[in-house]
C-alpha atoms as a PDB file:
ATOM      1  CA  MET A   1       4.555  36.655  46.887  1.00  0.00           C
ATOM      2  CA  ASP A   2       4.602  34.577  49.995  1.00  0.00           C
ATOM      3  CA  THR A   3       3.523  31.324  48.332  1.00  0.00           C
ATOM      4  CA  ASN A   4       3.584  29.304  51.778  1.00  0.00           C
ATOM      5  CA  LYS A   5       0.800  31.883  53.304  1.00  0.00           C
ATOM      6  CA  LEU A   6      -1.032  31.499  50.007  1.00  0.00           C
ATOM      7  CA  VAL A   7      -1.017  27.761  50.108  1.00  0.00           C
ATOM      8  CA  ILE A   8      -2.357  28.003  53.767  1.00  0.00           C
ATOM      9  CA  ASN A   9      -5.051  30.339  52.927  1.00  0.00           C
ATOM     10  CA  MET A  10      -6.155  28.405  49.925  1.00  0.00           C
ATOM     11  CA  ILE A  11      -6.279  25.025  52.054  1.00  0.00           C
ATOM     12  CA  ASN A  12      -8.153  26.835  54.851  1.00  0.00           C
ATOM     13  CA  LYS A  13     -10.787  28.034  52.243  1.00  0.00           C
ATOM     14  CA  SER A  14     -10.861  24.534  50.838  1.00  0.00           C
ATOM     15  CA  LYS A  15     -11.641  23.030  54.270  1.00  0.00           C
ATOM     16  CA  GLU A  16     -14.575  25.600  54.805  1.00  0.00           C
ATOM     17  CA  ALA A  17     -15.977  24.676  51.177  1.00  0.00           C
ATOM     18  CA  PHE A  18     -15.861  21.232  51.970  1.00  0.00           C
ATOM     19  CA  SER A  19     -17.581  21.700  55.352  1.00  0.00           C
ATOM     20  CA  LEU A  20     -20.295  23.808  53.505  1.00  0.00           C
ATOM     21  CA  ALA A  21     -20.899  21.181  51.057  1.00  0.00           C
ATOM     22  CA  ILE A  22     -21.552  18.526  53.613  1.00  0.00           C
ATOM     23  CA  GLU A  23     -23.743  20.905  55.895  1.00  0.00           C
ATOM     24  CA  ILE A  24     -25.959  22.033  52.896  1.00  0.00           C
ATOM     25  CA  TYR A  25     -26.490  18.457  51.740  1.00  0.00           C
ATOM     26  CA  ASN A  26     -27.375  17.109  55.170  1.00  0.00           C
ATOM     27  CA  LYS A  27     -29.762  19.882  56.105  1.00  0.00           C
ATOM     28  CA  PRO A  28     -33.319  18.737  55.121  1.00  0.00           C
ATOM     29  CA  THR A  29     -34.639  22.004  54.933  1.00  0.00           C
ATOM     30  CA  ILE A  30     -32.615  23.094  51.931  1.00  0.00           C
ATOM     31  CA  LYS A  31     -34.242  22.258  48.658  1.00  0.00           C
ATOM     32  CA  TYR A  32     -31.222  22.981  46.668  1.00  0.00           C
ATOM     33  CA  ARG A  33     -28.700  20.770  48.295  1.00  0.00           C
ATOM     34  CA  VAL A  34     -27.778  18.754  45.254  1.00  0.00           C
ATOM     35  CA  GLU A  35     -26.607  21.854  43.430  1.00  0.00           C
ATOM     36  CA  GLY A  36     -25.197  23.386  46.592  1.00  0.00           C
ATOM     37  CA  PHE A  37     -23.218  20.443  47.199  1.00  0.00           C
ATOM     38  CA  ALA A  38     -21.791  20.259  43.741  1.00  0.00           C
ATOM     39  CA  PHE A  39     -20.831  23.924  43.844  1.00  0.00           C
ATOM     40  CA  PHE A  40     -19.057  23.855  47.121  1.00  0.00           C
ATOM     41  CA  ILE A  41     -17.496  20.487  46.747  1.00  0.00           C
ATOM     42  CA  CYS A  42     -15.938  21.493  43.373  1.00  0.00           C
ATOM     43  CA  ASN A  43     -14.684  24.776  44.942  1.00  0.00           C
ATOM     44  CA  ALA A  44     -12.989  22.789  47.566  1.00  0.00           C
ATOM     45  CA  TRP A  45     -11.233  20.518  45.044  1.00  0.00           C
ATOM     46  CA  GLU A  46     -10.264  23.470  43.202  1.00  0.00           C
ATOM     47  CA  LEU A  47      -8.464  25.281  45.972  1.00  0.00           C
ATOM     48  CA  MET A  48      -7.036  22.170  47.436  1.00  0.00           C
ATOM     49  CA  LEU A  49      -5.424  21.167  44.013  1.00  0.00           C
ATOM     50  CA  LYS A  50      -4.227  24.523  43.215  1.00  0.00           C
ATOM     51  CA  ALA A  51      -2.485  24.745  46.457  1.00  0.00           C
ATOM     52  CA  TYR A  52      -0.928  21.341  45.570  1.00  0.00           C
ATOM     53  CA  LEU A  53       0.297  22.688  42.153  1.00  0.00           C
ATOM     54  CA  ILE A  54       1.789  25.840  43.755  1.00  0.00           C
ATOM     55  CA  LYS A  55       3.643  23.671  46.293  1.00  0.00           C
ATOM     56  CA  LYS A  56       4.943  21.456  43.665  1.00  0.00           C
ATOM     57  CA  ASN A  57       5.506  23.529  40.589  1.00  0.00           C
ATOM     58  CA  GLY A  58       5.419  26.970  41.878  1.00  0.00           C
ATOM     59  CA  TYR A  59       2.879  30.131  41.944  1.00  0.00           C
ATOM     60  CA  ASN A  60       2.876  30.445  38.088  1.00  0.00           C
ATOM     61  CA  SER A  61       1.777  26.850  37.612  1.00  0.00           C
ATOM     62  CA  ILE A  62      -1.874  27.818  38.326  1.00  0.00           C
ATOM     63  CA  TYR A  63      -2.098  30.274  35.489  1.00  0.00           C
ATOM     64  CA  TYR A  64      -2.479  29.689  31.725  1.00  0.00           C
ATOM     65  CA  LYS A  65       0.587  30.372  29.947  1.00  0.00           C
ATOM     66  CA  ASN A  66      -1.181  32.360  27.253  1.00  0.00           C
ATOM     67  CA  LYS A  67      -3.355  34.285  29.762  1.00  0.00           C
ATOM     68  CA  PRO A  68      -1.160  35.197  32.752  1.00  0.00           C
ATOM     69  CA  ASP A  69      -4.005  36.816  34.441  1.00  0.00           C
ATOM     70  CA  ARG A  70      -6.306  33.911  34.531  1.00  0.00           C
ATOM     71  CA  THR A  71      -5.897  31.024  36.799  1.00  0.00           C
ATOM     72  CA  ILE A  72      -6.711  27.351  35.436  1.00  0.00           C
ATOM     73  CA  SER A  73      -9.952  25.685  35.855  1.00  0.00           C
ATOM     74  CA  LEU A  74     -10.761  22.720  38.051  1.00  0.00           C
ATOM     75  CA  SER A  75     -11.001  20.536  34.937  1.00  0.00           C
ATOM     76  CA  GLU A  76      -7.427  21.725  34.008  1.00  0.00           C
ATOM     77  CA  CYS A  77      -6.273  21.051  37.478  1.00  0.00           C
ATOM     78  CA  ILE A  78      -7.719  17.673  37.425  1.00  0.00           C
ATOM     79  CA  LYS A  79      -6.012  16.887  34.002  1.00  0.00           C
ATOM     80  CA  ARG A  80      -2.519  18.064  35.065  1.00  0.00           C
ATOM     81  CA  ILE A  81      -2.627  16.122  38.472  1.00  0.00           C
ATOM     82  CA  PHE A  82      -4.731  12.951  37.635  1.00  0.00           C
ATOM     83  CA  THR A  83      -3.179  12.349  34.162  1.00  0.00           C
ATOM     84  CA  ASN A  84      -4.853   8.930  33.707  1.00  0.00           C
ATOM     85  CA  ASN A  85      -8.275   9.736  31.914  1.00  0.00           C
ATOM     86  CA  LYS A  86      -9.470   6.532  33.130  1.00  0.00           C
ATOM     87  CA  ASP A  87      -8.685   7.003  36.906  1.00  0.00           C
ATOM     88  CA  PRO A  88     -12.025   6.430  38.624  1.00  0.00           C
ATOM     89  CA  LEU A  89     -11.351   9.492  40.964  1.00  0.00           C
ATOM     90  CA  ARG A  90     -11.034  11.709  37.903  1.00  0.00           C
ATOM     91  CA  LEU A  91     -14.215  10.231  36.167  1.00  0.00           C
ATOM     92  CA  ASN A  92     -16.016  10.929  39.588  1.00  0.00           C
ATOM     93  CA  LEU A  93     -14.866  14.499  39.790  1.00  0.00           C
ATOM     94  CA  GLU A  94     -15.663  15.189  35.913  1.00  0.00           C
ATOM     95  CA  LYS A  95     -19.334  13.965  36.330  1.00  0.00           C
ATOM     96  CA  ILE A  96     -19.652  16.269  39.397  1.00  0.00           C
ATOM     97  CA  ILE A  97     -18.285  19.221  37.446  1.00  0.00           C
ATOM     98  CA  GLU A  98     -20.649  18.571  34.775  1.00  0.00           C
ATOM     99  CA  LEU A  99     -23.680  18.844  37.192  1.00  0.00           C
ATOM    100  CA  ARG A 100     -22.129  22.057  38.633  1.00  0.00           C
ATOM    101  CA  ASP A 101     -22.022  23.562  35.289  1.00  0.00           C
ATOM    102  CA  THR A 102     -25.457  22.831  34.148  1.00  0.00           C
ATOM    103  CA  SER A 103     -27.102  23.504  37.720  1.00  0.00           C
ATOM    104  CA  THR A 104     -28.089  26.868  36.485  1.00  0.00           C
ATOM    105  CA  HIS A 105     -30.728  25.382  34.385  1.00  0.00           C
ATOM    106  CA  PHE A 106     -33.740  23.265  35.674  1.00  0.00           C
ATOM    107  CA  ILE A 107     -32.781  20.633  38.095  1.00  0.00           C
ATOM    108  CA  THR A 108     -35.250  18.165  39.541  1.00  0.00           C
ATOM    109  CA  GLU A 109     -35.152  16.507  42.893  1.00  0.00           C
ATOM    110  CA  GLU A 110     -34.670  13.163  41.391  1.00  0.00           C
ATOM    111  CA  TYR A 111     -31.007  14.112  40.461  1.00  0.00           C
ATOM    112  CA  GLU A 112     -30.117  13.199  43.916  1.00  0.00           C
ATOM    113  CA  MET A 113     -30.916   9.644  43.307  1.00  0.00           C
ATOM    114  CA  VAL A 114     -28.662   9.714  40.413  1.00  0.00           C
ATOM    115  CA  TYR A 115     -25.667  11.582  41.930  1.00  0.00           C
ATOM    116  CA  VAL A 116     -25.634  10.741  45.510  1.00  0.00           C
ATOM    117  CA  ILE A 117     -23.422   7.580  44.818  1.00  0.00           C
ATOM    118  CA  LEU A 118     -20.940   9.972  43.271  1.00  0.00           C
ATOM    119  CA  PHE A 119     -20.965  12.376  46.172  1.00  0.00           C
ATOM    120  CA  GLN A 120     -20.337   9.813  48.716  1.00  0.00           C
ATOM    121  CA  SER A 121     -17.218   8.841  46.928  1.00  0.00           C
ATOM    122  CA  CYS A 122     -16.125  12.417  46.366  1.00  0.00           C
ATOM    123  CA  ILE A 123     -16.231  13.089  49.972  1.00  0.00           C
ATOM    124  CA  LEU A 124     -14.022  10.221  50.790  1.00  0.00           C
ATOM    125  CA  ASN A 125     -11.653  11.001  47.904  1.00  0.00           C
ATOM    126  CA  PHE A 126     -11.283  14.502  49.091  1.00  0.00           C
ATOM    127  CA  ASN A 127     -10.408  13.303  52.449  1.00  0.00           C
ATOM    128  CA  GLU A 128      -7.777  10.796  50.954  1.00  0.00           C
ATOM    129  CA  LYS A 129      -6.086  13.451  48.762  1.00  0.00           C
ATOM    130  CA  MET A 130      -6.302  16.276  51.289  1.00  0.00           C
ATOM    131  CA  MET A 131      -4.069  13.933  53.508  1.00  0.00           C
ATOM    132  CA  ALA A 132      -1.761  12.904  50.695  1.00  0.00           C
ATOM    133  CA  PHE A 133      -1.235  16.157  49.325  1.00  0.00           C
ATOM    134  CA  HIS A 134      -1.290  18.435  52.362  1.00  0.00           C
ATOM    135  CA  ASN A 135      -1.197  16.222  55.436  1.00  0.00           C
ATOM    136  CA  VAL A 136      -4.643  17.368  56.432  1.00  0.00           C
ATOM    137  CA  ASP A 137      -7.013  15.070  58.233  1.00  0.00           C
ATOM    138  CA  MET A 138     -10.486  16.331  57.475  1.00  0.00           C
ATOM    139  CA  THR A 139     -11.694  13.910  60.103  1.00  0.00           C
ATOM    140  CA  GLU A 140     -10.264  16.120  62.871  1.00  0.00           C
ATOM    141  CA  ILE A 141     -12.320  19.062  61.497  1.00  0.00           C
ATOM    142  CA  ILE A 142     -15.528  17.028  60.736  1.00  0.00           C
ATOM    143  CA  PRO A 143     -16.230  14.008  62.705  1.00  0.00           C
ATOM    144  CA  GLN A 144     -15.913  10.796  60.744  1.00  0.00           C
ATOM    145  CA  ASN A 145     -19.645  10.003  61.081  1.00  0.00           C
ATOM    146  CA  PHE A 146     -20.628  13.320  59.582  1.00  0.00           C
ATOM    147  CA  LEU A 147     -18.820  12.446  56.334  1.00  0.00           C
ATOM    148  CA  THR A 148     -21.670   9.927  55.523  1.00  0.00           C
ATOM    149  CA  LEU A 149     -24.390  11.819  53.484  1.00  0.00           C
ATOM    150  CA  SER A 150     -28.032  11.598  54.461  1.00  0.00           C
ATOM    151  CA  VAL A 151     -29.342   9.963  51.377  1.00  0.00           C
ATOM    152  CA  SER A 152     -32.837   9.349  49.985  1.00  0.00           C
ATOM    153  CA  MET A 153     -34.210   5.854  50.148  1.00  0.00           C
ATOM    154  CA  LYS A 154     -36.125   6.331  46.914  1.00  0.00           C
ATOM    155  CA  THR A 155     -35.105   4.758  43.475  1.00  0.00           C
ATOM    156  CA  LEU A 156     -35.251   6.255  40.117  1.00  0.00           C
ATOM    157  CA  LYS A 157     -38.145   4.444  38.260  1.00  0.00           C
ATOM    158  CA  GLU A 158     -38.227   5.279  34.396  1.00  0.00           C
ATOM    159  CA  ASN A 159     -42.164   4.968  34.247  1.00  0.00           C
ATOM    160  CA  VAL A 160     -42.547   7.652  37.143  1.00  0.00           C
ATOM    161  CA  ILE A 161     -39.985   9.839  35.559  1.00  0.00           C
ATOM    162  CA  ARG A 162     -41.473   9.749  32.023  1.00  0.00           C
ATOM    163  CA  ALA A 163     -44.831  10.376  33.553  1.00  0.00           C
ATOM    164  CA  LYS A 164     -43.781  13.244  35.645  1.00  0.00           C
ATOM    165  CA  TYR A 165     -41.531  15.249  33.197  1.00  0.00           C
ATOM    166  CA  PRO A 166     -41.290  16.295  29.554  1.00  0.00           C
ATOM    167  CA  GLU A 167     -39.517  13.913  27.011  1.00  0.00           C
ATOM    168  CA  GLU A 168     -36.443  15.969  26.717  1.00  0.00           C
ATOM    169  CA  LEU A 169     -35.758  16.160  30.448  1.00  0.00           C
ATOM    170  CA  SER A 170     -36.747  12.603  31.208  1.00  0.00           C
ATOM    171  CA  ASN A 171     -34.651  11.208  28.361  1.00  0.00           C
ATOM    172  CA  LYS A 172     -31.663  13.332  29.734  1.00  0.00           C
ATOM    173  CA  MET A 173     -32.272  12.158  33.390  1.00  0.00           C
ATOM    174  CA  LEU A 174     -32.531   8.391  32.347  1.00  0.00           C
ATOM    175  CA  SER A 175     -29.310   8.780  29.998  1.00  0.00           C
ATOM    176  CA  LEU A 176     -27.281  10.216  32.820  1.00  0.00           C
ATOM    177  CA  LYS A 177     -28.252   7.455  35.048  1.00  0.00           C
ATOM    178  CA  LYS A 178     -27.198   4.684  32.427  1.00  0.00           C
ATOM    179  CA  ASP A 179     -23.926   6.652  31.634  1.00  0.00           C
ATOM    180  CA  ILE A 180     -23.118   6.398  35.503  1.00  0.00           C
ATOM    181  CA  GLU A 181     -24.010   2.753  35.741  1.00  0.00           C
ATOM    182  CA  LYS A 182     -21.835   2.064  32.550  1.00  0.00           C
ATOM    183  CA  ILE A 183     -18.753   3.810  34.134  1.00  0.00           C
ATOM    184  CA  SER A 184     -19.282   1.847  37.281  1.00  0.00           C
ATOM    185  CA  GLU A 185     -19.211  -1.350  35.319  1.00  0.00           C
ATOM    186  CA  GLU A 186     -16.191  -0.247  33.450  1.00  0.00           C
ATOM    187  CA  THR A 187     -14.311   0.546  36.575  1.00  0.00           C
ATOM    188  CA  ALA A 188     -15.472  -2.775  38.180  1.00  0.00           C
ATOM    189  CA  ASN A 189     -17.728  -0.866  40.615  1.00  0.00           C
ATOM    190  CA  ASN A 190     -14.638   0.871  42.132  1.00  0.00           C
ATOM    191  CA  PRO A 191     -15.838   2.765  45.228  1.00  0.00           C
ATOM    192  CA  VAL A 192     -13.581   5.563  44.103  1.00  0.00           C
ATOM    193  CA  PHE A 193     -15.982   6.435  41.444  1.00  0.00           C
ATOM    194  CA  ALA A 194     -19.170   5.548  43.040  1.00  0.00           C
ATOM    195  CA  ILE A 195     -20.649   3.903  46.128  1.00  0.00           C
ATOM    196  CA  ASN A 196     -23.696   2.154  45.129  1.00  0.00           C
ATOM    197  CA  ILE A 197     -26.498   1.881  47.548  1.00  0.00           C
ATOM    198  CA  ILE A 198     -27.831  -1.663  47.837  1.00  0.00           C
ATOM    199  CA  HIS A 199     -31.484  -2.325  49.458  1.00  0.00           C
ATOM    200  CA  GLN A 200     -31.633  -5.890  50.799  1.00  0.00           C
ATOM    201  CA  HIS A 201     -35.042  -7.311  52.012  1.00  0.00           C
ATOM    202  CA  TYR A 202     -35.660 -10.289  54.091  1.00  0.00           C
ATOM    203  CA  LEU A 203     -38.488 -11.896  56.111  1.00  0.00           C
ATOM    204  CA  THR A 204     -38.289 -12.067  59.844  1.00  0.00           C
ATOM    205  CA  LYS A 205     -40.963 -13.255  62.461  1.00  0.00           C
ATOM    206  CA  ASP A 206     -39.355 -10.787  65.179  1.00  0.00           C
ATOM    207  CA  LYS A 207     -41.187  -7.590  64.900  1.00  0.00           C
ATOM    208  CA  SER A 208     -38.521  -5.832  66.861  1.00  0.00           C
ATOM    209  CA  LYS A 209     -36.284  -6.429  63.825  1.00  0.00           C
ATOM    210  CA  ALA A 210     -38.979  -5.383  61.236  1.00  0.00           C
ATOM    211  CA  ASP A 211     -39.103  -2.172  59.351  1.00  0.00           C
ATOM    212  CA  VAL A 212     -42.305  -2.922  57.778  1.00  0.00           C
ATOM    213  CA  ILE A 213     -45.135  -5.377  58.910  1.00  0.00           C
ATOM    214  CA  ILE A 214     -46.935  -7.523  56.521  1.00  0.00           C
ATOM    215  CA  ALA A 215     -49.519 -10.006  56.280  1.00  0.00           C
ATOM    216  CA  ILE A 216     -50.364 -12.827  53.936  1.00  0.00           C
ATOM    217  CA  ASP A 217     -53.838 -12.727  52.635  1.00  0.00           C
ATOM    218  CA  LYS A 218     -54.989 -15.604  50.396  1.00  0.00           C
ATOM    219  CA  ASN A 219     -57.709 -13.500  48.910  1.00  0.00           C
ATOM    220  CA  SER A 220     -55.601 -10.700  47.878  1.00  0.00           C
ATOM    221  CA  ASP A 221     -55.565  -9.797  43.963  1.00  0.00           C
ATOM    222  CA  ASP A 222     -51.834  -9.282  44.224  1.00  0.00           C
ATOM    223  CA  LYS A 223     -50.261 -12.661  43.921  1.00  0.00           C
ATOM    224  CA  ALA A 224     -46.808 -13.183  45.629  1.00  0.00           C
ATOM    225  CA  LYS A 225     -44.764 -16.494  46.505  1.00  0.00           C
ATOM    226  CA  ILE A 226     -42.233 -16.828  49.279  1.00  0.00           C
ATOM    227  CA  PHE A 227     -39.261 -18.857  48.394  1.00  0.00           C
ATOM    228  CA  LYS A 228     -37.093 -20.688  51.285  1.00  0.00           C
ATOM    229  CA  ILE A 229     -34.053 -21.013  48.971  1.00  0.00           C
ATOM    230  CA  GLN A 230     -32.668 -18.913  46.165  1.00  0.00           C
ATOM    231  CA  LYS A 231     -33.860 -20.066  42.756  1.00  0.00           C
ATOM    232  CA  LYS A 232     -32.510 -19.221  39.342  1.00  0.00           C
END
């Protein structure tokens, strides 16, 4: 077994799987881009990490000791390489693996609003580890600007979800959102786990700088106030 050739082949396949993950996610005509991204990004990580284990510990290190004809799972690779179970990178991958493993079931379009903050971190983490483990710079294969995902600007609203889906599904989706938010807080909003998307709004009189044009109508039924300074 030529392990050097095997490692090169695995890295090449990993790079291709990574490219496919980004291409699928950023293509607006594909409806299953969340599931597709999860599948290919996990495949990319598994190949990359197994190549690293072979380089470090030899060919047999990617097989189960009691099942020598079966290679270890991605989850097992992660446990062996990222031994700290509180590592934000490991937590990020474990959540995405969870999505991949359940994507054969009914997945709604709103899952994108929950997972995209994990996906963006996962891409940057992959680039960093590919360089650290294999001295491969993914920005030489995919331009840096294409490593930013095209994200939905919608937010996940509880009342909308509960009105749209059955109780079991809506509860699962909202519970997942809270779980990710909790981990973000526990990791001090570490961008290695999740890159949060923040929307900021401000008023301007310059129309060329405005995304939305509004007017103040004193006869409107919807009441609002404009504050000149922040108030608590």
